[in-house]
C-alpha cells in the first residue's frame, strides 16, 4: 500500500514538473509536413532530477525575485558565482553559469533602478526600465548614505559587479 501512495506522490511531482516545463521552457515544436513533435526532457534521470529542469527552476526563481530578496541578502552575486541562501543564511544553491549570471545582473540593474526611483533618488520612467547609465550616480550616493555593509549585502555586491565595467570605485 505504501509503494502505491509513494508512486502516486511521485507521479504528482512528475506531472507538476512537466507542467512547469511546459509553462516556462521556450522550446518550439519541431514541425513536419503533417505532424508536430515537442521534445520534453525526462523529469528524472535515474534517482536524480534532470539538470535541465533544475536549471530552469533556478532561472525562474531568480527572474521572479524581488528587490526584497536582494536587500535581505538571500541572493548574493559575486564576479564568479551567484548564491541563493535560505532564511538562516546557509547557501542552498551556488551557480557559476556566466550567461545566467549576466541575465540576473541585467534584471538586478532594472530592479535597483526601480528601488532608487521609489526612494526618489532617480527620475521615474514610465516603462520602469533602467540601465546602468541611468542609476550609477544615484546608486553610488545611496551606498554612501547607507550603513557599512558586509559581503552578504547584495546591493553592495551588485553595485560592485555592475560598476566593474565602468571601473568606478566606491
N, C-alpha and C. Protein backbone atom coordinates (compact mmCIF):
# COMPACT_ATOMS: atom_id res chain seq x y z
N UNK A 1 0.82 -1.19 0.00
CA UNK A 1 0.00 0.00 0.00
C UNK A 1 0.87 1.26 0.00
N UNK A 2 2.00 1.23 0.77
CA UNK A 2 2.88 2.39 0.84
C UNK A 2 3.46 2.71 -0.53
N UNK A 3 3.89 1.69 -1.26
CA UNK A 3 4.51 1.94 -2.55
C UNK A 3 3.52 2.56 -3.53
N UNK A 4 2.24 2.21 -3.41
CA UNK A 4 1.22 2.79 -4.29
C UNK A 4 1.03 4.27 -3.98
N UNK A 5 1.00 4.64 -2.69
CA UNK A 5 0.85 6.06 -2.34
C UNK A 5 2.11 6.84 -2.70
N UNK A 6 3.29 6.21 -2.54
CA UNK A 6 4.52 6.87 -2.95
C UNK A 6 4.55 7.04 -4.46
N UNK A 7 4.07 6.06 -5.17
CA UNK A 7 4.04 6.13 -6.62
C UNK A 7 3.12 7.26 -7.07
N UNK A 8 1.98 7.39 -6.43
CA UNK A 8 1.07 8.46 -6.83
C UNK A 8 1.68 9.82 -6.46
N UNK A 9 2.39 9.92 -5.35
CA UNK A 9 3.06 11.18 -4.99
C UNK A 9 4.14 11.51 -6.01
N UNK A 10 4.91 10.50 -6.40
CA UNK A 10 5.95 10.69 -7.40
C UNK A 10 5.34 11.10 -8.74
N UNK A 11 4.21 10.49 -9.08
CA UNK A 11 3.51 10.86 -10.32
C UNK A 11 3.04 12.31 -10.26
N UNK A 12 2.56 12.74 -9.09
CA UNK A 12 2.10 14.13 -8.94
C UNK A 12 3.27 15.09 -9.09
N UNK A 13 4.41 14.76 -8.49
CA UNK A 13 5.60 15.61 -8.62
C UNK A 13 6.02 15.68 -10.09
N UNK A 14 6.05 14.54 -10.74
CA UNK A 14 6.45 14.50 -12.15
C UNK A 14 5.48 15.29 -13.03
N UNK A 15 4.18 15.16 -12.76
CA UNK A 15 3.19 15.92 -13.53
C UNK A 15 3.35 17.42 -13.29
N UNK A 16 3.61 17.81 -12.05
CA UNK A 16 3.80 19.24 -11.74
C UNK A 16 5.06 19.78 -12.42
N UNK A 17 6.13 19.00 -12.43
CA UNK A 17 7.36 19.44 -13.09
C UNK A 17 7.18 19.48 -14.61
N UNK A 18 6.42 18.56 -15.17
CA UNK A 18 6.12 18.62 -16.60
C UNK A 18 5.32 19.87 -16.94
N UNK A 19 4.34 20.20 -16.10
CA UNK A 19 3.55 21.42 -16.30
C UNK A 19 4.43 22.66 -16.18
N UNK A 20 5.31 22.66 -15.20
CA UNK A 20 6.27 23.75 -15.03
C UNK A 20 7.11 23.91 -16.29
N UNK A 21 7.63 22.79 -16.81
CA UNK A 21 8.45 22.83 -18.01
C UNK A 21 7.66 23.38 -19.20
N UNK A 22 6.42 22.94 -19.34
CA UNK A 22 5.58 23.42 -20.45
C UNK A 22 5.34 24.92 -20.34
N UNK A 23 5.20 25.41 -19.11
CA UNK A 23 4.90 26.82 -18.90
C UNK A 23 6.13 27.70 -19.15
N UNK A 24 7.29 27.29 -18.67
CA UNK A 24 8.45 28.17 -18.67
C UNK A 24 9.52 27.87 -19.70
N UNK A 25 9.51 26.71 -20.32
CA UNK A 25 10.52 26.46 -21.35
C UNK A 25 10.08 27.13 -22.63
N UNK A 26 11.05 27.54 -23.39
CA UNK A 26 10.73 28.26 -24.63
C UNK A 26 11.02 27.39 -25.84
N UNK A 27 10.79 26.11 -25.68
CA UNK A 27 11.04 25.21 -26.79
C UNK A 27 9.83 25.19 -27.73
N UNK A 28 10.11 25.38 -29.00
CA UNK A 28 9.07 25.33 -30.00
C UNK A 28 8.98 23.91 -30.56
N UNK A 29 7.81 23.52 -31.00
CA UNK A 29 7.69 22.17 -31.58
C UNK A 29 8.45 22.07 -32.90
N UNK A 30 8.89 20.85 -33.18
CA UNK A 30 9.52 20.56 -34.46
C UNK A 30 8.39 20.22 -35.41
N UNK A 31 8.31 20.98 -36.50
CA UNK A 31 7.18 20.82 -37.41
C UNK A 31 7.58 20.02 -38.64
N UNK A 32 6.78 19.02 -38.93
CA UNK A 32 6.93 18.23 -40.14
C UNK A 32 5.81 18.61 -41.09
N UNK A 33 5.69 17.87 -42.14
CA UNK A 33 4.67 18.18 -43.14
C UNK A 33 3.26 18.02 -42.58
N UNK A 34 3.03 16.93 -41.84
CA UNK A 34 1.70 16.67 -41.31
C UNK A 34 1.72 16.44 -39.79
N UNK A 35 2.84 16.70 -39.17
CA UNK A 35 2.93 16.44 -37.73
C UNK A 35 3.72 17.54 -37.03
N UNK A 36 3.55 17.61 -35.73
CA UNK A 36 4.34 18.47 -34.87
C UNK A 36 4.82 17.62 -33.70
N UNK A 37 6.07 17.76 -33.35
CA UNK A 37 6.63 16.99 -32.24
C UNK A 37 7.27 17.98 -31.27
N UNK A 38 6.89 17.89 -30.00
CA UNK A 38 7.51 18.70 -28.97
C UNK A 38 8.40 17.79 -28.14
N UNK A 39 9.64 18.17 -28.00
CA UNK A 39 10.59 17.36 -27.25
C UNK A 39 10.63 17.87 -25.82
N UNK A 40 10.40 16.97 -24.88
CA UNK A 40 10.43 17.30 -23.46
C UNK A 40 11.49 16.45 -22.79
N UNK A 41 12.21 17.03 -21.85
CA UNK A 41 13.21 16.23 -21.14
C UNK A 41 12.55 15.26 -20.17
N UNK A 42 13.23 14.17 -19.89
CA UNK A 42 12.75 13.28 -18.84
C UNK A 42 12.91 14.00 -17.52
N UNK A 43 11.94 13.89 -16.65
CA UNK A 43 11.97 14.60 -15.38
C UNK A 43 13.05 14.03 -14.48
N UNK A 44 13.08 12.73 -14.37
CA UNK A 44 14.07 12.08 -13.52
C UNK A 44 15.01 11.25 -14.38
N UNK A 45 16.28 11.37 -14.10
CA UNK A 45 17.28 10.52 -14.75
C UNK A 45 17.85 9.66 -13.64
N UNK A 46 17.46 8.41 -13.65
CA UNK A 46 17.80 7.52 -12.54
C UNK A 46 17.05 7.99 -11.30
N UNK A 47 17.78 8.25 -10.23
CA UNK A 47 17.16 8.72 -8.99
C UNK A 47 17.29 10.22 -8.81
N UNK A 48 17.76 10.94 -9.82
CA UNK A 48 18.00 12.37 -9.68
C UNK A 48 17.15 13.17 -10.64
N UNK A 49 16.90 14.41 -10.25
CA UNK A 49 16.15 15.33 -11.10
C UNK A 49 17.04 15.76 -12.27
N UNK A 50 16.45 15.86 -13.44
CA UNK A 50 17.17 16.24 -14.65
C UNK A 50 17.83 17.61 -14.45
N UNK A 51 19.13 17.76 -14.76
CA UNK A 51 19.82 19.04 -14.59
C UNK A 51 19.20 20.19 -15.38
N UNK A 52 18.60 19.91 -16.56
CA UNK A 52 17.93 20.95 -17.33
C UNK A 52 16.74 21.51 -16.55
N UNK A 53 16.02 20.67 -15.89
CA UNK A 53 14.86 21.11 -15.10
C UNK A 53 15.33 21.87 -13.88
N UNK A 54 16.38 21.41 -13.23
CA UNK A 54 16.93 22.13 -12.08
C UNK A 54 17.34 23.54 -12.50
N UNK A 55 18.04 23.65 -13.62
CA UNK A 55 18.49 24.96 -14.08
C UNK A 55 17.30 25.86 -14.39
N UNK A 56 16.26 25.32 -14.99
CA UNK A 56 15.08 26.13 -15.31
C UNK A 56 14.37 26.58 -14.05
N UNK A 57 14.29 25.73 -13.03
CA UNK A 57 13.66 26.12 -11.76
C UNK A 57 14.42 27.28 -11.13
N UNK A 58 15.75 27.17 -11.11
CA UNK A 58 16.57 28.23 -10.53
C UNK A 58 16.44 29.52 -11.34
N UNK A 59 16.46 29.39 -12.66
CA UNK A 59 16.34 30.56 -13.52
C UNK A 59 15.01 31.28 -13.30
N UNK A 60 13.93 30.53 -13.22
CA UNK A 60 12.61 31.13 -12.99
C UNK A 60 12.56 31.79 -11.61
N UNK A 61 13.11 31.12 -10.60
CA UNK A 61 13.15 31.72 -9.25
C UNK A 61 13.89 33.04 -9.28
N UNK A 62 15.07 33.06 -9.92
CA UNK A 62 15.87 34.28 -9.95
C UNK A 62 15.20 35.38 -10.77
N UNK A 63 14.54 35.01 -11.84
CA UNK A 63 13.87 36.02 -12.66
C UNK A 63 12.63 36.59 -11.98
N UNK A 64 12.09 35.87 -11.02
CA UNK A 64 10.91 36.35 -10.30
C UNK A 64 11.25 36.95 -8.94
N UNK A 65 12.54 37.01 -8.60
CA UNK A 65 12.90 37.57 -7.29
C UNK A 65 12.61 39.06 -7.25
N UNK A 66 12.40 39.56 -6.05
CA UNK A 66 12.10 40.97 -5.88
C UNK A 66 13.28 41.68 -5.25
N UNK A 67 13.18 42.99 -5.14
CA UNK A 67 14.24 43.78 -4.52
C UNK A 67 14.41 43.38 -3.06
N UNK A 68 13.35 42.85 -2.43
CA UNK A 68 13.45 42.41 -1.04
C UNK A 68 14.42 41.23 -0.91
N UNK A 69 14.42 40.34 -1.89
CA UNK A 69 15.39 39.23 -1.88
C UNK A 69 16.81 39.79 -1.99
N UNK A 70 16.96 40.82 -2.78
CA UNK A 70 18.26 41.43 -2.98
C UNK A 70 18.73 42.12 -1.71
N UNK A 71 17.86 42.94 -1.14
CA UNK A 71 18.25 43.70 0.04
C UNK A 71 18.45 42.83 1.28
N UNK A 72 17.73 41.72 1.35
CA UNK A 72 17.87 40.84 2.52
C UNK A 72 19.08 39.92 2.43
N UNK A 73 19.73 39.86 1.28
CA UNK A 73 20.91 39.02 1.14
C UNK A 73 20.60 37.56 0.86
N UNK A 74 19.35 37.25 0.49
CA UNK A 74 19.03 35.86 0.15
C UNK A 74 19.66 35.45 -1.16
N UNK A 75 19.97 36.44 -2.00
CA UNK A 75 20.67 36.19 -3.26
C UNK A 75 21.92 37.06 -3.25
N UNK A 76 23.08 36.43 -3.41
CA UNK A 76 24.36 37.14 -3.38
C UNK A 76 25.05 36.93 -4.72
N UNK A 77 25.43 38.04 -5.36
CA UNK A 77 26.11 37.98 -6.64
C UNK A 77 27.55 38.40 -6.45
N UNK A 78 28.47 37.58 -6.95
CA UNK A 78 29.88 37.95 -6.98
C UNK A 78 30.34 37.90 -8.43
N UNK A 79 31.62 38.16 -8.66
CA UNK A 79 32.13 38.15 -10.03
C UNK A 79 32.01 36.77 -10.68
N UNK A 80 32.19 35.72 -9.90
CA UNK A 80 32.28 34.39 -10.49
C UNK A 80 31.08 33.49 -10.21
N UNK A 81 30.23 33.85 -9.24
CA UNK A 81 29.10 32.97 -8.96
C UNK A 81 27.92 33.74 -8.37
N UNK A 82 26.85 33.04 -8.22
CA UNK A 82 25.63 33.58 -7.64
C UNK A 82 25.16 32.56 -6.62
N UNK A 83 24.81 33.04 -5.43
CA UNK A 83 24.39 32.13 -4.37
C UNK A 83 22.96 32.46 -3.94
N UNK A 84 22.20 31.42 -3.68
CA UNK A 84 20.87 31.56 -3.10
C UNK A 84 20.95 30.98 -1.70
N UNK A 85 20.48 31.76 -0.73
CA UNK A 85 20.57 31.34 0.67
C UNK A 85 19.18 31.15 1.25
N UNK A 86 19.09 30.27 2.25
CA UNK A 86 17.82 30.08 2.94
C UNK A 86 17.67 31.15 4.03
N UNK A 87 16.60 31.07 4.81
CA UNK A 87 16.33 32.09 5.83
C UNK A 87 17.41 32.17 6.90
N UNK A 88 18.11 31.07 7.14
CA UNK A 88 19.17 31.05 8.15
C UNK A 88 20.50 31.57 7.59
N UNK A 89 20.57 31.85 6.31
CA UNK A 89 21.79 32.36 5.70
C UNK A 89 22.70 31.28 5.15
N UNK A 90 22.23 30.04 5.14
CA UNK A 90 23.03 28.93 4.62
C UNK A 90 22.87 28.86 3.10
N UNK A 91 23.97 28.69 2.39
CA UNK A 91 23.93 28.59 0.93
C UNK A 91 23.25 27.28 0.55
N UNK A 92 22.18 27.39 -0.25
CA UNK A 92 21.49 26.17 -0.70
C UNK A 92 21.75 25.89 -2.18
N UNK A 93 22.07 26.95 -2.95
CA UNK A 93 22.39 26.78 -4.37
C UNK A 93 23.49 27.76 -4.72
N UNK A 94 24.47 27.27 -5.47
CA UNK A 94 25.54 28.13 -5.98
C UNK A 94 25.62 27.93 -7.48
N UNK A 95 25.58 29.02 -8.23
CA UNK A 95 25.53 28.97 -9.68
C UNK A 95 26.77 29.64 -10.25
N UNK A 96 27.40 29.01 -11.24
CA UNK A 96 28.57 29.62 -11.89
C UNK A 96 28.36 29.79 -13.39
N UNK A 97 27.13 29.63 -13.87
CA UNK A 97 26.81 29.79 -15.28
C UNK A 97 26.87 31.27 -15.64
N UNK A 98 27.86 31.67 -16.46
CA UNK A 98 28.10 33.09 -16.77
C UNK A 98 26.91 33.72 -17.49
N UNK A 99 26.27 33.01 -18.39
CA UNK A 99 25.13 33.57 -19.12
C UNK A 99 23.96 33.85 -18.19
N UNK A 100 23.69 32.95 -17.27
CA UNK A 100 22.61 33.15 -16.32
C UNK A 100 22.93 34.31 -15.37
N UNK A 101 24.18 34.40 -14.93
CA UNK A 101 24.59 35.50 -14.05
C UNK A 101 24.43 36.83 -14.77
N UNK A 102 24.80 36.90 -16.04
CA UNK A 102 24.65 38.14 -16.81
C UNK A 102 23.18 38.54 -16.91
N UNK A 103 22.31 37.57 -17.16
CA UNK A 103 20.88 37.84 -17.25
C UNK A 103 20.35 38.37 -15.92
N UNK A 104 20.79 37.79 -14.82
CA UNK A 104 20.35 38.22 -13.50
C UNK A 104 20.89 39.61 -13.18
N UNK A 105 22.14 39.89 -13.55
CA UNK A 105 22.71 41.23 -13.32
C UNK A 105 21.89 42.29 -14.06
N UNK A 106 21.48 41.99 -15.28
CA UNK A 106 20.63 42.93 -16.01
C UNK A 106 19.31 43.15 -15.28
N UNK A 107 18.75 42.08 -14.77
CA UNK A 107 17.49 42.20 -14.02
C UNK A 107 17.71 43.00 -12.74
N UNK A 108 18.83 42.75 -12.06
CA UNK A 108 19.13 43.47 -10.82
C UNK A 108 19.27 44.96 -11.11
N UNK A 109 19.89 45.29 -12.23
CA UNK A 109 20.03 46.71 -12.60
C UNK A 109 18.66 47.36 -12.71
N UNK A 110 17.73 46.70 -13.37
CA UNK A 110 16.37 47.24 -13.51
C UNK A 110 15.71 47.36 -12.14
N UNK A 111 15.84 46.33 -11.32
CA UNK A 111 15.20 46.36 -10.00
C UNK A 111 15.81 47.42 -9.10
N UNK A 112 17.13 47.57 -9.15
CA UNK A 112 17.76 48.62 -8.36
C UNK A 112 17.30 50.00 -8.84
N UNK A 113 17.14 50.15 -10.15
CA UNK A 113 16.62 51.41 -10.69
C UNK A 113 15.22 51.70 -10.17
N UNK A 114 14.37 50.70 -10.13
CA UNK A 114 13.02 50.87 -9.60
C UNK A 114 13.04 51.23 -8.12
N UNK A 115 13.94 50.57 -7.39
CA UNK A 115 14.07 50.83 -5.96
C UNK A 115 14.55 52.27 -5.72
N UNK A 116 15.53 52.70 -6.50
CA UNK A 116 16.03 54.07 -6.37
C UNK A 116 14.98 55.09 -6.78
N UNK A 117 14.13 54.74 -7.75
CA UNK A 117 13.05 55.63 -8.16
C UNK A 117 12.01 55.75 -7.04
N UNK A 118 11.71 54.65 -6.34
CA UNK A 118 10.77 54.71 -5.21
C UNK A 118 11.31 55.61 -4.11
N UNK A 119 12.63 55.62 -3.92
CA UNK A 119 13.25 56.46 -2.90
C UNK A 119 13.50 57.87 -3.42
N UNK A 120 13.06 58.12 -4.66
CA UNK A 120 13.18 59.43 -5.32
C UNK A 120 14.64 59.87 -5.50
N UNK A 121 15.52 58.89 -5.73
CA UNK A 121 16.93 59.19 -6.00
C UNK A 121 17.22 59.29 -7.49
N UNK A 122 16.35 58.71 -8.31
CA UNK A 122 16.42 58.86 -9.77
C UNK A 122 15.04 59.21 -10.28
N UNK A 123 15.02 59.82 -11.44
CA UNK A 123 13.72 60.19 -12.03
C UNK A 123 12.99 58.92 -12.46
N UNK A 124 11.72 58.79 -12.09
CA UNK A 124 10.98 57.59 -12.51
C UNK A 124 10.74 57.60 -14.02
N UNK A 125 10.75 56.42 -14.57
CA UNK A 125 10.47 56.26 -16.00
C UNK A 125 9.11 55.61 -16.18
N UNK A 126 8.40 55.96 -17.24
CA UNK A 126 7.08 55.37 -17.44
C UNK A 126 7.11 53.86 -17.61
N UNK A 127 8.13 53.34 -18.29
CA UNK A 127 8.22 51.89 -18.52
C UNK A 127 8.97 51.17 -17.41
N UNK A 128 9.53 51.91 -16.46
CA UNK A 128 10.26 51.38 -15.30
C UNK A 128 11.45 50.50 -15.70
N UNK A 129 12.07 50.79 -16.83
CA UNK A 129 13.25 50.05 -17.25
C UNK A 129 14.44 51.00 -17.17
N UNK A 130 15.44 50.57 -16.42
CA UNK A 130 16.62 51.40 -16.17
C UNK A 130 17.86 50.65 -16.63
N UNK A 131 18.86 51.42 -17.07
CA UNK A 131 20.15 50.84 -17.41
C UNK A 131 21.19 51.43 -16.47
N UNK A 132 22.39 50.91 -16.54
CA UNK A 132 23.45 51.33 -15.63
C UNK A 132 23.68 52.84 -15.71
N UNK A 133 23.67 53.40 -16.89
CA UNK A 133 23.88 54.83 -17.04
C UNK A 133 22.84 55.66 -16.31
N UNK A 134 21.62 55.15 -16.20
CA UNK A 134 20.55 55.87 -15.52
C UNK A 134 20.74 55.92 -14.02
N UNK A 135 21.31 54.87 -13.45
CA UNK A 135 21.29 54.75 -11.99
C UNK A 135 22.65 54.83 -11.32
N UNK A 136 23.75 54.84 -12.07
CA UNK A 136 25.06 54.69 -11.41
C UNK A 136 25.35 55.80 -10.41
N UNK A 137 25.07 57.05 -10.74
CA UNK A 137 25.33 58.14 -9.80
C UNK A 137 24.50 58.02 -8.53
N UNK A 138 23.20 57.75 -8.72
CA UNK A 138 22.30 57.62 -7.57
C UNK A 138 22.65 56.40 -6.73
N UNK A 139 23.09 55.34 -7.38
CA UNK A 139 23.44 54.11 -6.65
C UNK A 139 24.67 54.33 -5.79
N UNK A 140 25.66 55.04 -6.32
CA UNK A 140 26.86 55.33 -5.53
C UNK A 140 26.49 56.22 -4.33
N UNK A 141 25.64 57.22 -4.56
CA UNK A 141 25.21 58.10 -3.46
C UNK A 141 24.40 57.33 -2.43
N UNK A 142 23.54 56.44 -2.89
CA UNK A 142 22.73 55.63 -1.98
C UNK A 142 23.63 54.77 -1.08
N UNK A 143 24.66 54.19 -1.67
CA UNK A 143 25.57 53.35 -0.89
C UNK A 143 26.40 54.18 0.08
N UNK A 144 26.75 55.39 -0.29
CA UNK A 144 27.50 56.25 0.63
C UNK A 144 26.65 56.59 1.85
N UNK A 145 25.33 56.72 1.65
CA UNK A 145 24.42 57.08 2.74
C UNK A 145 24.09 55.88 3.62
N UNK A 146 24.17 54.69 3.07
CA UNK A 146 23.78 53.51 3.83
C UNK A 146 24.88 53.13 4.81
N UNK A 147 24.51 52.27 5.74
CA UNK A 147 25.47 51.80 6.74
C UNK A 147 26.57 50.99 6.07
N UNK A 148 27.67 50.82 6.78
CA UNK A 148 28.74 49.97 6.29
C UNK A 148 28.19 48.56 6.14
N UNK A 149 28.31 48.00 4.95
CA UNK A 149 27.71 46.69 4.67
C UNK A 149 28.81 45.64 4.52
N UNK A 150 28.47 44.41 4.87
CA UNK A 150 29.42 43.32 4.67
C UNK A 150 29.13 42.65 3.33
N UNK A 151 29.87 41.60 3.03
CA UNK A 151 29.74 40.97 1.72
C UNK A 151 28.41 40.24 1.55
N UNK A 152 27.61 40.14 2.61
CA UNK A 152 26.32 39.47 2.48
C UNK A 152 25.26 40.40 1.90
N UNK A 153 25.56 41.70 1.79
CA UNK A 153 24.60 42.66 1.30
C UNK A 153 24.64 42.68 -0.22
N UNK A 154 23.58 42.26 -0.86
CA UNK A 154 23.57 42.13 -2.31
C UNK A 154 23.58 43.47 -3.01
N UNK A 155 23.06 44.52 -2.36
CA UNK A 155 23.09 45.83 -3.01
C UNK A 155 24.55 46.22 -3.28
N UNK A 156 25.40 46.04 -2.28
CA UNK A 156 26.81 46.37 -2.46
C UNK A 156 27.45 45.41 -3.47
N UNK A 157 27.17 44.13 -3.35
CA UNK A 157 27.75 43.15 -4.29
C UNK A 157 27.31 43.45 -5.72
N UNK A 158 26.02 43.74 -5.90
CA UNK A 158 25.51 44.03 -7.24
C UNK A 158 26.13 45.32 -7.77
N UNK A 159 26.29 46.29 -6.89
CA UNK A 159 26.89 47.56 -7.32
C UNK A 159 28.32 47.34 -7.78
N UNK A 160 29.08 46.59 -7.02
CA UNK A 160 30.46 46.30 -7.42
C UNK A 160 30.47 45.61 -8.77
N UNK A 161 29.58 44.65 -8.94
CA UNK A 161 29.53 43.91 -10.20
C UNK A 161 29.08 44.80 -11.35
N UNK A 162 28.06 45.62 -11.11
CA UNK A 162 27.53 46.48 -12.16
C UNK A 162 28.52 47.59 -12.54
N UNK A 163 29.19 48.14 -11.57
CA UNK A 163 30.09 49.25 -11.83
C UNK A 163 31.49 48.81 -12.24
N UNK A 164 31.76 47.52 -12.18
CA UNK A 164 33.07 47.00 -12.53
C UNK A 164 33.43 47.35 -13.96
N UNK A 165 32.46 47.24 -14.86
CA UNK A 165 32.72 47.55 -16.27
C UNK A 165 33.11 49.01 -16.45
N UNK A 166 32.58 49.88 -15.64
CA UNK A 166 32.88 51.31 -15.75
C UNK A 166 34.14 51.69 -14.97
N UNK A 167 34.73 50.73 -14.25
CA UNK A 167 35.95 50.93 -13.46
C UNK A 167 35.77 52.06 -12.45
N UNK A 168 34.57 52.14 -11.84
CA UNK A 168 34.33 53.11 -10.79
C UNK A 168 34.72 52.51 -9.46
N UNK A 169 35.14 53.33 -8.54
CA UNK A 169 35.44 52.86 -7.20
C UNK A 169 34.48 53.54 -6.24
N UNK A 170 34.18 52.82 -5.16
CA UNK A 170 33.28 53.39 -4.18
C UNK A 170 34.03 54.32 -3.27
